[in-house]
Amino acid sequence: MKKYICSNCGYVYDPATGDPMGDIPPHTAFEDLPESWVCPMCYSPRSLFDELE
């Protein structure tokens, strides 16, 4: 699964670990995150994340 980076603060969403603070279980693809999910570090919306290459 692809990783995504927050263009605002640099936080990397890694599907292998999910987002424990946001109750997102491991192995949750970025595309499967709820629309209401925000960056756990700076609270930016999903739209500010870019695919990490």
PDB file of N, CA and C in Angstrom:
ATOM      1  N   MET A   1       0.843  -1.192   0.000  1.00  0.00           N
ATOM      2  CA  MET A   1       0.000   0.000   0.000  1.00  0.00           C
ATOM      3  C   MET A   1       0.881   1.246   0.000  1.00  0.00           C
ATOM      4  N   LYS A   2       0.379   2.281  -0.620  1.00  0.00           N
ATOM      5  CA  LYS A   2       1.139   3.518  -0.762  1.00  0.00           C
ATOM      6  C   LYS A   2       1.055   4.366   0.507  1.00  0.00           C
ATOM      7  N   LYS A   3       2.145   5.108   0.762  1.00  0.00           N
ATOM      8  CA  LYS A   3       2.186   6.045   1.876  1.00  0.00           C
ATOM      9  C   LYS A   3       1.846   7.430   1.343  1.00  0.00           C
ATOM     10  N   TYR A   4       1.315   8.266   2.218  1.00  0.00           N
ATOM     11  CA  TYR A   4       0.953   9.632   1.840  1.00  0.00           C
ATOM     12  C   TYR A   4       1.533  10.599   2.854  1.00  0.00           C
ATOM     13  N   ILE A   5       1.938  11.780   2.363  1.00  0.00           N
ATOM     14  CA  ILE A   5       2.559  12.780   3.223  1.00  0.00           C
ATOM     15  C   ILE A   5       1.710  14.046   3.284  1.00  0.00           C
ATOM     16  N   CYS A   6       1.606  14.613   4.464  1.00  0.00           N
ATOM     17  CA  CYS A   6       0.869  15.864   4.665  1.00  0.00           C
ATOM     18  C   CYS A   6       1.730  17.006   4.146  1.00  0.00           C
ATOM     19  N   SER A   7       1.204  17.767   3.199  1.00  0.00           N
ATOM     20  CA  SER A   7       1.971  18.873   2.622  1.00  0.00           C
ATOM     21  C   SER A   7       2.104  20.046   3.595  1.00  0.00           C
ATOM     22  N   ASN A   8       1.339  20.018   4.675  1.00  0.00           N
ATOM     23  CA  ASN A   8       1.399  21.101   5.653  1.00  0.00           C
ATOM     24  C   ASN A   8       2.492  20.872   6.698  1.00  0.00           C
ATOM     25  N   CYS A   9       2.568  19.633   7.258  1.00  0.00           N
ATOM     26  CA  CYS A   9       3.505  19.410   8.361  1.00  0.00           C
ATOM     27  C   CYS A   9       4.513  18.288   8.117  1.00  0.00           C
ATOM     28  N   GLY A  10       4.318  17.491   7.067  1.00  0.00           N
ATOM     29  CA  GLY A  10       5.260  16.424   6.770  1.00  0.00           C
ATOM     30  C   GLY A  10       4.935  15.076   7.393  1.00  0.00           C
ATOM     31  N   TYR A  11       3.810  14.990   8.104  1.00  0.00           N
ATOM     32  CA  TYR A  11       3.402  13.702   8.684  1.00  0.00           C
ATOM     33  C   TYR A  11       3.175  12.696   7.554  1.00  0.00           C
ATOM     34  N   VAL A  12       3.665  11.469   7.749  1.00  0.00           N
ATOM     35  CA  VAL A  12       3.492  10.425   6.743  1.00  0.00           C
ATOM     36  C   VAL A  12       2.467   9.411   7.243  1.00  0.00           C
ATOM     37  N   TYR A  13       1.391   9.249   6.467  1.00  0.00           N
ATOM     38  CA  TYR A  13       0.414   8.205   6.783  1.00  0.00           C
ATOM     39  C   TYR A  13       0.912   6.916   6.173  1.00  0.00           C
ATOM     40  N   ASP A  14       1.164   5.925   7.032  1.00  0.00           N
ATOM     41  CA  ASP A  14       1.636   4.612   6.601  1.00  0.00           C
ATOM     42  C   ASP A  14       0.526   3.603   6.857  1.00  0.00           C
ATOM     43  N   PRO A  15      -0.052   3.025   5.808  1.00  0.00           N
ATOM     44  CA  PRO A  15      -1.147   2.065   5.994  1.00  0.00           C
ATOM     45  C   PRO A  15      -0.763   0.871   6.857  1.00  0.00           C
ATOM     46  N   ALA A  16       0.523   0.521   6.884  1.00  0.00           N
ATOM     47  CA  ALA A  16       0.964  -0.622   7.688  1.00  0.00           C
ATOM     48  C   ALA A  16       0.707  -0.397   9.178  1.00  0.00           C
ATOM     49  N   THR A  17       0.764   0.873   9.614  1.00  0.00           N
ATOM     50  CA  THR A  17       0.535   1.165  11.030  1.00  0.00           C
ATOM     51  C   THR A  17      -0.811   1.824  11.285  1.00  0.00           C
ATOM     52  N   GLY A  18      -1.447   2.361  10.253  1.00  0.00           N
ATOM     53  CA  GLY A  18      -2.724   3.055  10.445  1.00  0.00           C
ATOM     54  C   GLY A  18      -2.519   4.331  11.236  1.00  0.00           C
ATOM     55  N   ASP A  19      -3.522   4.702  12.008  1.00  0.00           N
ATOM     56  CA  ASP A  19      -3.457   5.896  12.865  1.00  0.00           C
ATOM     57  C   ASP A  19      -4.067   5.538  14.212  1.00  0.00           C
ATOM     58  N   PRO A  20      -3.250   5.001  15.128  1.00  0.00           N
ATOM     59  CA  PRO A  20      -3.773   4.587  16.433  1.00  0.00           C
ATOM     60  C   PRO A  20      -4.487   5.707  17.186  1.00  0.00           C
ATOM     61  N   MET A  21      -3.981   6.948  17.069  1.00  0.00           N
ATOM     62  CA  MET A  21      -4.614   8.065  17.776  1.00  0.00           C
ATOM     63  C   MET A  21      -5.983   8.396  17.195  1.00  0.00           C
ATOM     64  N   GLY A  22      -6.180   8.065  15.912  1.00  0.00           N
ATOM     65  CA  GLY A  22      -7.451   8.340  15.254  1.00  0.00           C
ATOM     66  C   GLY A  22      -8.335   7.106  15.131  1.00  0.00           C
ATOM     67  N   ASP A  23      -7.979   6.046  15.859  1.00  0.00           N
ATOM     68  CA  ASP A  23      -8.727   4.782  15.828  1.00  0.00           C
ATOM     69  C   ASP A  23      -8.800   4.175  14.425  1.00  0.00           C
ATOM     70  N   ILE A  24      -7.741   4.371  13.640  1.00  0.00           N
ATOM     71  CA  ILE A  24      -7.651   3.765  12.312  1.00  0.00           C
ATOM     72  C   ILE A  24      -6.753   2.535  12.443  1.00  0.00           C
ATOM     73  N   PRO A  25      -7.301   1.339  12.210  1.00  0.00           N
ATOM     74  CA  PRO A  25      -6.505   0.118  12.395  1.00  0.00           C
ATOM     75  C   PRO A  25      -5.416  -0.043  11.330  1.00  0.00           C
ATOM     76  N   PRO A  26      -4.370  -0.812  11.658  1.00  0.00           N
ATOM     77  CA  PRO A  26      -3.328  -1.099  10.669  1.00  0.00           C
ATOM     78  C   PRO A  26      -3.928  -1.722   9.407  1.00  0.00           C
ATOM     79  N   HIS A  27      -3.237  -1.550   8.302  1.00  0.00           N
ATOM     80  CA  HIS A  27      -3.624  -2.086   6.989  1.00  0.00           C
ATOM     81  C   HIS A  27      -4.862  -1.405   6.414  1.00  0.00           C
ATOM     82  N   THR A  28      -5.096  -0.143   6.816  1.00  0.00           N
ATOM     83  CA  THR A  28      -6.174   0.655   6.235  1.00  0.00           C
ATOM     84  C   THR A  28      -5.573   1.546   5.155  1.00  0.00           C
ATOM     85  N   ALA A  29      -5.970   1.309   3.905  1.00  0.00           N
ATOM     86  CA  ALA A  29      -5.458   2.115   2.795  1.00  0.00           C
ATOM     87  C   ALA A  29      -5.900   3.569   2.944  1.00  0.00           C
ATOM     88  N   PHE A  30      -5.075   4.488   2.448  1.00  0.00           N
ATOM     89  CA  PHE A  30      -5.404   5.912   2.527  1.00  0.00           C
ATOM     90  C   PHE A  30      -6.763   6.179   1.896  1.00  0.00           C
ATOM     91  N   GLU A  31      -7.040   5.511   0.777  1.00  0.00           N
ATOM     92  CA  GLU A  31      -8.302   5.704   0.062  1.00  0.00           C
ATOM     93  C   GLU A  31      -9.506   5.251   0.893  1.00  0.00           C
ATOM     94  N   ASP A  32      -9.270   4.385   1.880  1.00  0.00           N
ATOM     95  CA  ASP A  32     -10.356   3.863   2.708  1.00  0.00           C
ATOM     96  C   ASP A  32     -10.559   4.639   4.005  1.00  0.00           C
ATOM     97  N   LEU A  33      -9.748   5.680   4.210  1.00  0.00           N
ATOM     98  CA  LEU A  33      -9.923   6.499   5.416  1.00  0.00           C
ATOM     99  C   LEU A  33     -11.251   7.247   5.330  1.00  0.00           C
ATOM    100  N   PRO A  34     -11.900   7.467   6.473  1.00  0.00           N
ATOM    101  CA  PRO A  34     -13.152   8.236   6.450  1.00  0.00           C
ATOM    102  C   PRO A  34     -12.908   9.657   5.925  1.00  0.00           C
ATOM    103  N   GLU A  35     -13.903  10.221   5.276  1.00  0.00           N
ATOM    104  CA  GLU A  35     -13.786  11.595   4.757  1.00  0.00           C
ATOM    105  C   GLU A  35     -13.468  12.586   5.875  1.00  0.00           C
ATOM    106  N   SER A  36     -13.891  12.278   7.092  1.00  0.00           N
ATOM    107  CA  SER A  36     -13.688  13.174   8.228  1.00  0.00           C
ATOM    108  C   SER A  36     -12.292  13.065   8.841  1.00  0.00           C
ATOM    109  N   TRP A  37     -11.487  12.100   8.353  1.00  0.00           N
ATOM    110  CA  TRP A  37     -10.148  11.917   8.918  1.00  0.00           C
ATOM    111  C   TRP A  37      -9.284  13.125   8.611  1.00  0.00           C
ATOM    112  N   VAL A  38      -8.494  13.537   9.609  1.00  0.00           N
ATOM    113  CA  VAL A  38      -7.554  14.651   9.438  1.00  0.00           C
ATOM    114  C   VAL A  38      -6.178  14.223   9.920  1.00  0.00           C
ATOM    115  N   CYS A  39      -5.173  14.960   9.535  1.00  0.00           N
ATOM    116  CA  CYS A  39      -3.808  14.697   9.969  1.00  0.00           C
ATOM    117  C   CYS A  39      -3.750  14.723  11.495  1.00  0.00           C
ATOM    118  N   PRO A  40      -3.190  13.677  12.121  1.00  0.00           N
ATOM    119  CA  PRO A  40      -3.145  13.651  13.581  1.00  0.00           C
ATOM    120  C   PRO A  40      -2.162  14.659  14.179  1.00  0.00           C
ATOM    121  N   MET A  41      -1.300  15.235  13.352  1.00  0.00           N
ATOM    122  CA  MET A  41      -0.322  16.190  13.867  1.00  0.00           C
ATOM    123  C   MET A  41      -0.779  17.643  13.737  1.00  0.00           C
ATOM    124  N   CYS A  42      -1.392  17.984  12.576  1.00  0.00           N
ATOM    125  CA  CYS A  42      -1.741  19.394  12.352  1.00  0.00           C
ATOM    126  C   CYS A  42      -3.221  19.595  11.987  1.00  0.00           C
ATOM    127  N   TYR A  43      -3.965  18.505  11.938  1.00  0.00           N
ATOM    128  CA  TYR A  43      -5.411  18.546  11.665  1.00  0.00           C
ATOM    129  C   TYR A  43      -5.771  19.028  10.261  1.00  0.00           C
ATOM    130  N   SER A  44      -4.830  18.890   9.321  1.00  0.00           N
ATOM    131  CA  SER A  44      -5.137  19.230   7.923  1.00  0.00           C
ATOM    132  C   SER A  44      -6.035  18.148   7.328  1.00  0.00           C
ATOM    133  N   PRO A  45      -6.897  18.514   6.381  1.00  0.00           N
ATOM    134  CA  PRO A  45      -7.782  17.523   5.750  1.00  0.00           C
ATOM    135  C   PRO A  45      -7.015  16.600   4.808  1.00  0.00           C
ATOM    136  N   ARG A  46      -7.648  15.502   4.431  1.00  0.00           N
ATOM    137  CA  ARG A  46      -7.048  14.527   3.521  1.00  0.00           C
ATOM    138  C   ARG A  46      -6.613  15.158   2.203  1.00  0.00           C
ATOM    139  N   SER A  47      -7.295  16.204   1.785  1.00  0.00           N
ATOM    140  CA  SER A  47      -6.987  16.839   0.499  1.00  0.00           C
ATOM    141  C   SER A  47      -5.586  17.447   0.459  1.00  0.00           C
ATOM    142  N   LEU A  48      -4.968  17.673   1.623  1.00  0.00           N
ATOM    143  CA  LEU A  48      -3.625  18.245   1.661  1.00  0.00           C
ATOM    144  C   LEU A  48      -2.535  17.170   1.699  1.00  0.00           C
ATOM    145  N   PHE A  49      -2.915  15.911   1.509  1.00  0.00           N
ATOM    146  CA  PHE A  49      -1.930  14.831   1.478  1.00  0.00           C
ATOM    147  C   PHE A  49      -1.579  14.500   0.038  1.00  0.00           C
ATOM    148  N   ASP A  50      -0.295  14.200  -0.183  1.00  0.00           N
ATOM    149  CA  ASP A  50       0.200  13.810  -1.486  1.00  0.00           C
ATOM    150  C   ASP A  50       0.808  12.418  -1.393  1.00  0.00           C
ATOM    151  N   GLU A  51       0.716  11.685  -2.487  1.00  0.00           N
ATOM    152  CA  GLU A  51       1.302  10.358  -2.523  1.00  0.00           C
ATOM    153  C   GLU A  51       2.808  10.480  -2.355  1.00  0.00           C
ATOM    154  N   LEU A  52       3.378   9.650  -1.480  1.00  0.00           N
ATOM    155  CA  LEU A  52       4.810   9.652  -1.236  1.00  0.00           C
ATOM    156  C   LEU A  52       5.480   8.726  -2.225  1.00  0.00           C
ATOM    157  N   GLU A  53       6.446   9.241  -2.947  1.00  0.00           N
ATOM    158  CA  GLU A  53       7.109   8.427  -3.969  1.00  0.00           C
ATOM    159  C   GLU A  53       8.479   7.976  -3.520  1.00  0.00           C
TER     160      GLU A  53
END
